[in-house]
Each structure stands twice: as C-alpha cells, then as structure tokens.
PDB file of all heavy atoms in Angstrom:
ATOM      1  N   SER A   1      20.459  -6.921 -86.589  1.00  0.00           N
ATOM      2  CA  SER A   1      21.293  -7.857 -85.838  1.00  0.00           C
ATOM      3  C   SER A   1      21.273  -7.554 -84.343  1.00  0.00           C
ATOM      4  O   SER A   1      20.912  -6.454 -83.912  1.00  0.00           O
ATOM      5  CB  SER A   1      22.738  -7.781 -86.335  1.00  0.00           C
ATOM      6  OG  SER A   1      23.297  -6.528 -85.989  1.00  0.00           O
ATOM      7  N   SER A   2      21.688  -8.539 -83.578  1.00  0.00           N
ATOM      8  CA  SER A   2      21.790  -8.337 -82.130  1.00  0.00           C
ATOM      9  C   SER A   2      22.888  -7.329 -81.803  1.00  0.00           C
ATOM     10  O   SER A   2      22.813  -6.628 -80.795  1.00  0.00           O
ATOM     11  CB  SER A   2      22.049  -9.670 -81.419  1.00  0.00           C
ATOM     12  OG  SER A   2      23.213 -10.277 -81.925  1.00  0.00           O
ATOM     13  N   ALA A   3      23.890  -7.220 -82.679  1.00  0.00           N
ATOM     14  CA  ALA A   3      24.955  -6.227 -82.478  1.00  0.00           C
ATOM     15  C   ALA A   3      24.391  -4.809 -82.596  1.00  0.00           C
ATOM     16  O   ALA A   3      24.739  -3.924 -81.794  1.00  0.00           O
ATOM     17  CB  ALA A   3      26.070  -6.435 -83.489  1.00  0.00           C
ATOM     18  N   SER A   4      23.506  -4.604 -83.553  1.00  0.00           N
ATOM     19  CA  SER A   4      22.860  -3.291 -83.693  1.00  0.00           C
ATOM     20  C   SER A   4      21.977  -3.003 -82.492  1.00  0.00           C
ATOM     21  O   SER A   4      21.933  -1.874 -81.998  1.00  0.00           O
ATOM     22  CB  SER A   4      22.018  -3.232 -84.973  1.00  0.00           C
ATOM     23  OG  SER A   4      22.843  -3.302 -86.109  1.00  0.00           O
ATOM     24  N   MET A   5      21.280  -4.014 -82.010  1.00  0.00           N
ATOM     25  CA  MET A   5      20.433  -3.843 -80.837  1.00  0.00           C
ATOM     26  C   MET A   5      21.278  -3.488 -79.614  1.00  0.00           C
ATOM     27  O   MET A   5      20.880  -2.658 -78.797  1.00  0.00           O
ATOM     28  CB  MET A   5      19.618  -5.112 -80.582  1.00  0.00           C
ATOM     29  CG  MET A   5      18.608  -4.976 -79.472  1.00  0.00           C
ATOM     30  SD  MET A   5      17.401  -3.653 -79.693  1.00  0.00           S
ATOM     31  CE  MET A   5      16.457  -4.274 -81.049  1.00  0.00           C
ATOM     32  N   ALA A   6      22.463  -4.103 -79.512  1.00  0.00           N
ATOM     33  CA  ALA A   6      23.363  -3.795 -78.400  1.00  0.00           C
ATOM     34  C   ALA A   6      23.816  -2.337 -78.464  1.00  0.00           C
ATOM     35  O   ALA A   6      23.894  -1.658 -77.433  1.00  0.00           O
ATOM     36  CB  ALA A   6      24.561  -4.732 -78.419  1.00  0.00           C
ATOM     37  N   LYS A   7      24.097  -1.841 -79.668  1.00  0.00           N
ATOM     38  CA  LYS A   7      24.484  -0.439 -79.825  1.00  0.00           C
ATOM     39  C   LYS A   7      23.352   0.480 -79.395  1.00  0.00           C
ATOM     40  O   LYS A   7      23.578   1.494 -78.741  1.00  0.00           O
ATOM     41  CB  LYS A   7      24.859  -0.134 -81.282  1.00  0.00           C
ATOM     42  CG  LYS A   7      26.216  -0.608 -81.683  1.00  0.00           C
ATOM     43  CD  LYS A   7      26.534  -0.142 -83.087  1.00  0.00           C
ATOM     44  CE  LYS A   7      27.962  -0.450 -83.452  1.00  0.00           C
ATOM     45  NZ  LYS A   7      28.308   0.110 -84.771  1.00  0.00           N
ATOM     46  N   LEU A   8      22.138   0.133 -79.767  1.00  0.00           N
ATOM     47  CA  LEU A   8      20.984   0.930 -79.357  1.00  0.00           C
ATOM     48  C   LEU A   8      20.849   0.942 -77.837  1.00  0.00           C
ATOM     49  O   LEU A   8      20.554   1.977 -77.240  1.00  0.00           O
ATOM     50  CB  LEU A   8      19.700   0.378 -79.987  1.00  0.00           C
ATOM     51  CG  LEU A   8      19.554   0.545 -81.496  1.00  0.00           C
ATOM     52  CD1 LEU A   8      18.417  -0.319 -82.017  1.00  0.00           C
ATOM     53  CD2 LEU A   8      19.331   1.996 -81.863  1.00  0.00           C
ATOM     54  N   GLY A   9      21.088  -0.202 -77.231  1.00  0.00           N
ATOM     55  CA  GLY A   9      20.996  -0.314 -75.777  1.00  0.00           C
ATOM     56  C   GLY A   9      22.019   0.539 -75.047  1.00  0.00           C
ATOM     57  O   GLY A   9      21.794   0.944 -73.906  1.00  0.00           O
ATOM     58  N   LYS A  10      23.122   0.836 -75.724  1.00  0.00           N
ATOM     59  CA  LYS A  10      24.178   1.664 -75.134  1.00  0.00           C
ATOM     60  C   LYS A  10      24.093   3.114 -75.604  1.00  0.00           C
ATOM     61  O   LYS A  10      25.009   3.897 -75.358  1.00  0.00           O
ATOM     62  CB  LYS A  10      25.552   1.096 -75.508  1.00  0.00           C
ATOM     63  CG  LYS A  10      25.804  -0.285 -74.965  1.00  0.00           C
ATOM     64  CD  LYS A  10      27.131  -0.817 -75.468  1.00  0.00           C
ATOM     65  CE  LYS A  10      27.334  -2.267 -75.078  1.00  0.00           C
ATOM     66  NZ  LYS A  10      28.554  -2.812 -75.695  1.00  0.00           N
ATOM     67  N   ASN A  11      22.992   3.462 -76.281  1.00  0.00           N
ATOM     68  CA  ASN A  11      22.799   4.798 -76.844  1.00  0.00           C
ATOM     69  C   ASN A  11      23.938   5.201 -77.772  1.00  0.00           C
ATOM     70  O   ASN A  11      24.330   6.370 -77.829  1.00  0.00           O
ATOM     71  CB  ASN A  11      22.607   5.851 -75.746  1.00  0.00           C
ATOM     72  CG  ASN A  11      21.265   5.733 -75.070  1.00  0.00           C
ATOM     73  OD1 ASN A  11      20.273   5.371 -75.695  1.00  0.00           O
ATOM     74  ND2 ASN A  11      21.227   6.022 -73.792  1.00  0.00           N
ATOM     75  N   GLU A  12      24.463   4.233 -78.513  1.00  0.00           N
ATOM     76  CA  GLU A  12      25.521   4.508 -79.476  1.00  0.00           C
ATOM     77  C   GLU A  12      24.905   4.809 -80.841  1.00  0.00           C
ATOM     78  O   GLU A  12      23.745   4.492 -81.098  1.00  0.00           O
ATOM     79  CB  GLU A  12      26.468   3.310 -79.588  1.00  0.00           C
ATOM     80  CG  GLU A  12      27.254   3.042 -78.320  1.00  0.00           C
ATOM     81  CD  GLU A  12      28.168   1.839 -78.441  1.00  0.00           C
ATOM     82  OE1 GLU A  12      28.171   1.170 -79.496  1.00  0.00           O
ATOM     83  OE2 GLU A  12      28.878   1.555 -77.466  1.00  0.00           O
ATOM     84  N   ASN A  13      25.702   5.402 -81.714  1.00  0.00           N
ATOM     85  CA  ASN A  13      25.225   5.706 -83.059  1.00  0.00           C
ATOM     86  C   ASN A  13      25.045   4.424 -83.870  1.00  0.00           C
ATOM     87  O   ASN A  13      25.860   3.517 -83.774  1.00  0.00           O
ATOM     88  CB  ASN A  13      26.222   6.613 -83.778  1.00  0.00           C
ATOM     89  CG  ASN A  13      26.301   7.983 -83.161  1.00  0.00           C
ATOM     90  OD1 ASN A  13      25.346   8.462 -82.573  1.00  0.00           O
ATOM     91  ND2 ASN A  13      27.448   8.616 -83.294  1.00  0.00           N
ATOM     92  N   VAL A  14      23.960   4.394 -84.628  1.00  0.00           N
ATOM     93  CA  VAL A  14      23.715   3.291 -85.557  1.00  0.00           C
ATOM     94  C   VAL A  14      23.424   3.880 -86.931  1.00  0.00           C
ATOM     95  O   VAL A  14      23.069   5.053 -87.063  1.00  0.00           O
ATOM     96  CB  VAL A  14      22.540   2.387 -85.109  1.00  0.00           C
ATOM     97  CG1 VAL A  14      22.859   1.656 -83.830  1.00  0.00           C
ATOM     98  CG2 VAL A  14      21.261   3.169 -84.971  1.00  0.00           C
ATOM     99  N   ASN A  15      23.549   3.068 -87.941  1.00  0.00           N
ATOM    100  CA  ASN A  15      23.283   3.473 -89.314  1.00  0.00           C
ATOM    101  C   ASN A  15      21.828   3.920 -89.443  1.00  0.00           C
ATOM    102  O   ASN A  15      20.933   3.336 -88.836  1.00  0.00           O
ATOM    103  CB  ASN A  15      23.571   2.261 -90.217  1.00  0.00           C
ATOM    104  CG  ASN A  15      23.589   2.611 -91.669  1.00  0.00           C
ATOM    105  OD1 ASN A  15      22.665   3.236 -92.169  1.00  0.00           O
ATOM    106  ND2 ASN A  15      24.642   2.191 -92.351  1.00  0.00           N
ATOM    107  N   THR A  16      21.598   4.922 -90.276  1.00  0.00           N
ATOM    108  CA  THR A  16      20.225   5.394 -90.462  1.00  0.00           C
ATOM    109  C   THR A  16      19.328   4.319 -91.066  1.00  0.00           C
ATOM    110  O   THR A  16      18.116   4.320 -90.825  1.00  0.00           O
ATOM    111  CB  THR A  16      20.182   6.656 -91.356  1.00  0.00           C
ATOM    112  OG1 THR A  16      20.902   6.407 -92.558  1.00  0.00           O
ATOM    113  CG2 THR A  16      20.771   7.847 -90.635  1.00  0.00           C
ATOM    114  N   ASP A  17      19.904   3.368 -91.797  1.00  0.00           N
ATOM    115  CA  ASP A  17      19.126   2.255 -92.338  1.00  0.00           C
ATOM    116  C   ASP A  17      18.483   1.450 -91.206  1.00  0.00           C
ATOM    117  O   ASP A  17      17.338   1.007 -91.321  1.00  0.00           O
ATOM    118  CB  ASP A  17      20.021   1.354 -93.194  1.00  0.00           C
ATOM    119  CG  ASP A  17      19.262   0.183 -93.785  1.00  0.00           C
ATOM    120  OD1 ASP A  17      18.231   0.437 -94.460  1.00  0.00           O
ATOM    121  OD2 ASP A  17      19.672  -0.969 -93.570  1.00  0.00           O
ATOM    122  N   ILE A  18      19.205   1.295 -90.114  1.00  0.00           N
ATOM    123  CA  ILE A  18      18.667   0.572 -88.951  1.00  0.00           C
ATOM    124  C   ILE A  18      17.473   1.326 -88.372  1.00  0.00           C
ATOM    125  O   ILE A  18      16.432   0.731 -88.059  1.00  0.00           O
ATOM    126  CB  ILE A  18      19.758   0.395 -87.862  1.00  0.00           C
ATOM    127  CG1 ILE A  18      20.976  -0.348 -88.412  1.00  0.00           C
ATOM    128  CG2 ILE A  18      19.193  -0.268 -86.619  1.00  0.00           C
ATOM    129  CD1 ILE A  18      20.717  -1.750 -88.852  1.00  0.00           C
ATOM    130  N   ILE A  19      17.616   2.640 -88.254  1.00  0.00           N
ATOM    131  CA  ILE A  19      16.527   3.468 -87.726  1.00  0.00           C
ATOM    132  C   ILE A  19      15.298   3.363 -88.622  1.00  0.00           C
ATOM    133  O   ILE A  19      14.169   3.211 -88.135  1.00  0.00           O
ATOM    134  CB  ILE A  19      16.974   4.950 -87.602  1.00  0.00           C
ATOM    135  CG1 ILE A  19      18.185   5.081 -86.668  1.00  0.00           C
ATOM    136  CG2 ILE A  19      15.824   5.838 -87.145  1.00  0.00           C
ATOM    137  CD1 ILE A  19      17.946   4.651 -85.259  1.00  0.00           C
ATOM    138  N   VAL A  20      15.501   3.411 -89.924  1.00  0.00           N
ATOM    139  CA  VAL A  20      14.387   3.311 -90.880  1.00  0.00           C
ATOM    140  C   VAL A  20      13.695   1.959 -90.753  1.00  0.00           C
ATOM    141  O   VAL A  20      12.460   1.880 -90.735  1.00  0.00           O
ATOM    142  CB  VAL A  20      14.873   3.547 -92.329  1.00  0.00           C
ATOM    143  CG1 VAL A  20      13.798   3.202 -93.343  1.00  0.00           C
ATOM    144  CG2 VAL A  20      15.338   4.981 -92.503  1.00  0.00           C
ATOM    145  N   ARG A  21      14.465   0.886 -90.652  1.00  0.00           N
ATOM    146  CA  ARG A  21      13.867  -0.459 -90.505  1.00  0.00           C
ATOM    147  C   ARG A  21      13.028  -0.561 -89.237  1.00  0.00           C
ATOM    148  O   ARG A  21      11.951  -1.155 -89.242  1.00  0.00           O
ATOM    149  CB  ARG A  21      14.963  -1.519 -90.469  1.00  0.00           C
ATOM    150  CG  ARG A  21      15.620  -1.770 -91.787  1.00  0.00           C
ATOM    151  CD  ARG A  21      16.496  -2.978 -91.657  1.00  0.00           C
ATOM    152  NE  ARG A  21      17.589  -2.961 -92.598  1.00  0.00           N
ATOM    153  CZ  ARG A  21      18.537  -3.867 -92.650  1.00  0.00           C
ATOM    154  NH1 ARG A  21      18.539  -4.865 -91.781  1.00  0.00           N
ATOM    155  NH2 ARG A  21      19.489  -3.806 -93.533  1.00  0.00           N
ATOM    156  N   ILE A  22      13.541   0.007 -88.143  1.00  0.00           N
ATOM    157  CA  ILE A  22      12.796  -0.021 -86.879  1.00  0.00           C
ATOM    158  C   ILE A  22      11.497   0.757 -87.025  1.00  0.00           C
ATOM    159  O   ILE A  22      10.432   0.290 -86.602  1.00  0.00           O
ATOM    160  CB  ILE A  22      13.659   0.542 -85.731  1.00  0.00           C
ATOM    161  CG1 ILE A  22      14.798  -0.422 -85.418  1.00  0.00           C
ATOM    162  CG2 ILE A  22      12.805   0.800 -84.486  1.00  0.00           C
ATOM    163  CD1 ILE A  22      15.840   0.126 -84.460  1.00  0.00           C
ATOM    164  N   CYS A  23      11.567   1.937 -87.626  1.00  0.00           N
ATOM    165  CA  CYS A  23      10.364   2.748 -87.805  1.00  0.00           C
ATOM    166  C   CYS A  23       9.332   2.049 -88.687  1.00  0.00           C
ATOM    167  O   CYS A  23       8.134   2.099 -88.406  1.00  0.00           O
ATOM    168  CB  CYS A  23      10.728   4.106 -88.391  1.00  0.00           C
ATOM    169  SG  CYS A  23      11.584   5.186 -87.232  1.00  0.00           S
ATOM    170  N   GLN A  24       9.794   1.375 -89.733  1.00  0.00           N
ATOM    171  CA  GLN A  24       8.871   0.637 -90.590  1.00  0.00           C
ATOM    172  C   GLN A  24       8.226  -0.522 -89.832  1.00  0.00           C
ATOM    173  O   GLN A  24       7.026  -0.753 -89.947  1.00  0.00           O
ATOM    174  CB  GLN A  24       9.595   0.116 -91.829  1.00  0.00           C
ATOM    175  CG  GLN A  24       9.957   1.204 -92.808  1.00  0.00           C
ATOM    176  CD  GLN A  24      10.794   0.708 -93.969  1.00  0.00           C
ATOM    177  OE1 GLN A  24      11.488  -0.306 -93.866  1.00  0.00           O
ATOM    178  NE2 GLN A  24      10.761   1.428 -95.074  1.00  0.00           N
ATOM    179  N   ALA A  25       9.022  -1.240 -89.052  1.00  0.00           N
ATOM    180  CA  ALA A  25       8.500  -2.391 -88.314  1.00  0.00           C
ATOM    181  C   ALA A  25       7.486  -1.960 -87.251  1.00  0.00           C
ATOM    182  O   ALA A  25       6.482  -2.644 -87.035  1.00  0.00           O
ATOM    183  CB  ALA A  25       9.649  -3.159 -87.662  1.00  0.00           C
ATOM    184  N   LEU A  26       7.747  -0.822 -86.607  1.00  0.00           N
ATOM    185  CA  LEU A  26       6.863  -0.355 -85.537  1.00  0.00           C
ATOM    186  C   LEU A  26       5.821   0.641 -86.036  1.00  0.00           C
ATOM    187  O   LEU A  26       4.996   1.106 -85.247  1.00  0.00           O
ATOM    188  CB  LEU A  26       7.694   0.291 -84.419  1.00  0.00           C
ATOM    189  CG  LEU A  26       8.661  -0.633 -83.690  1.00  0.00           C
ATOM    190  CD1 LEU A  26       9.479   0.154 -82.679  1.00  0.00           C
ATOM    191  CD2 LEU A  26       7.920  -1.775 -83.014  1.00  0.00           C
ATOM    192  N   GLN A  27       5.867   0.955 -87.329  1.00  0.00           N
ATOM    193  CA  GLN A  27       4.946   1.904 -87.947  1.00  0.00           C
ATOM    194  C   GLN A  27       4.932   3.219 -87.176  1.00  0.00           C
ATOM    195  O   GLN A  27       3.900   3.669 -86.668  1.00  0.00           O
ATOM    196  CB  GLN A  27       3.541   1.320 -88.058  1.00  0.00           C
ATOM    197  CG  GLN A  27       3.498   0.095 -88.927  1.00  0.00           C
ATOM    198  CD  GLN A  27       2.123  -0.533 -88.999  1.00  0.00           C
ATOM    199  OE1 GLN A  27       1.282  -0.314 -88.141  1.00  0.00           O
ATOM    200  NE2 GLN A  27       1.900  -1.323 -90.034  1.00  0.00           N
ATOM    201  N   CYS A  28       6.124   3.817 -87.063  1.00  0.00           N
ATOM    202  CA  CYS A  28       6.260   5.060 -86.324  1.00  0.00           C
ATOM    203  C   CYS A  28       7.258   5.971 -87.033  1.00  0.00           C
ATOM    204  O   CYS A  28       7.789   5.630 -88.083  1.00  0.00           O
ATOM    205  CB  CYS A  28       6.706   4.777 -84.893  1.00  0.00           C
ATOM    206  SG  CYS A  28       8.365   4.075 -84.768  1.00  0.00           S
ATOM    207  N   ASP A  29       7.509   7.117 -86.454  1.00  0.00           N
ATOM    208  CA  ASP A  29       8.447   8.098 -86.983  1.00  0.00           C
ATOM    209  C   ASP A  29       9.723   8.083 -86.141  1.00  0.00           C
ATOM    210  O   ASP A  29       9.707   7.596 -85.002  1.00  0.00           O
ATOM    211  CB  ASP A  29       7.798   9.484 -86.945  1.00  0.00           C
ATOM    212  CG  ASP A  29       8.595  10.512 -87.706  1.00  0.00           C
ATOM    213  OD1 ASP A  29       8.952  10.270 -88.869  1.00  0.00           O
ATOM    214  OD2 ASP A  29       8.862  11.579 -87.127  1.00  0.00           O
ATOM    215  N   THR A  30      10.788   8.641 -86.671  1.00  0.00           N
ATOM    216  CA  THR A  30      12.057   8.660 -85.929  1.00  0.00           C
ATOM    217  C   THR A  30      11.918   9.373 -84.588  1.00  0.00           C
ATOM    218  O   THR A  30      12.535   8.975 -83.611  1.00  0.00           O
ATOM    219  CB  THR A  30      13.177   9.326 -86.740  1.00  0.00           C
ATOM    220  OG1 THR A  30      12.766  10.629 -87.132  1.00  0.00           O
ATOM    221  CG2 THR A  30      13.519   8.510 -87.980  1.00  0.00           C
ATOM    222  N   SER A  31      11.105  10.409 -84.535  1.00  0.00           N
ATOM    223  CA  SER A  31      10.929  11.143 -83.279  1.00  0.00           C
ATOM    224  C   SER A  31      10.206  10.315 -82.216  1.00  0.00           C
ATOM    225  O   SER A  31      10.234  10.664 -81.037  1.00  0.00           O
ATOM    226  CB  SER A  31      10.175  12.452 -83.521  1.00  0.00           C
ATOM    227  OG  SER A  31       8.880  12.191 -84.018  1.00  0.00           O
ATOM    228  N   ASP A  32       9.578   9.213 -82.635  1.00  0.00           N
ATOM    229  CA  ASP A  32       8.894   8.327 -81.690  1.00  0.00           C
ATOM    230  C   ASP A  32       9.851   7.359 -81.008  1.00  0.00           C
ATOM    231  O   ASP A  32       9.488   6.742 -80.001  1.00  0.00           O
ATOM    232  CB  ASP A  32       7.807   7.513 -82.397  1.00  0.00           C
ATOM    233  CG  ASP A  32       6.700   8.381 -82.955  1.00  0.00           C
ATOM    234  OD1 ASP A  32       6.372   9.404 -82.326  1.00  0.00           O
ATOM    235  OD2 ASP A  32       6.156   8.035 -84.027  1.00  0.00           O
ATOM    236  N   ILE A  33      11.078   7.223 -81.544  1.00  0.00           N
ATOM    237  CA  ILE A  33      11.996   6.229 -80.982  1.00  0.00           C
ATOM    238  C   ILE A  33      13.310   6.805 -80.483  1.00  0.00           C
ATOM    239  O   ILE A  33      14.058   6.125 -79.794  1.00  0.00           O
ATOM    240  CB  ILE A  33      12.300   5.096 -81.993  1.00  0.00           C
ATOM    241  CG1 ILE A  33      13.035   5.630 -83.215  1.00  0.00           C
ATOM    242  CG2 ILE A  33      11.028   4.354 -82.364  1.00  0.00           C
ATOM    243  CD1 ILE A  33      13.606   4.544 -84.104  1.00  0.00           C
TER     244      ILE A  33
END
C-alpha cells in the first residue's frame, strides 16, 4: 500500500511481510534494501 511506502519513506518500522514482498519483487536480499 501507499501507506506502507510512506512509512518506508520516513524510515519507520514496517511489517517483515512488506520487506519480503519488496525483496521478491526486486529479486534482492534484505541487506540490499
């Protein structure tokens, strides 16, 4: 969601599920983002 993206933009904590989805979409590891 755009709300999750806003949290990322503010360097706020997000659910690990969000991090996993981003890594899958970008084909990268958590340390890459």
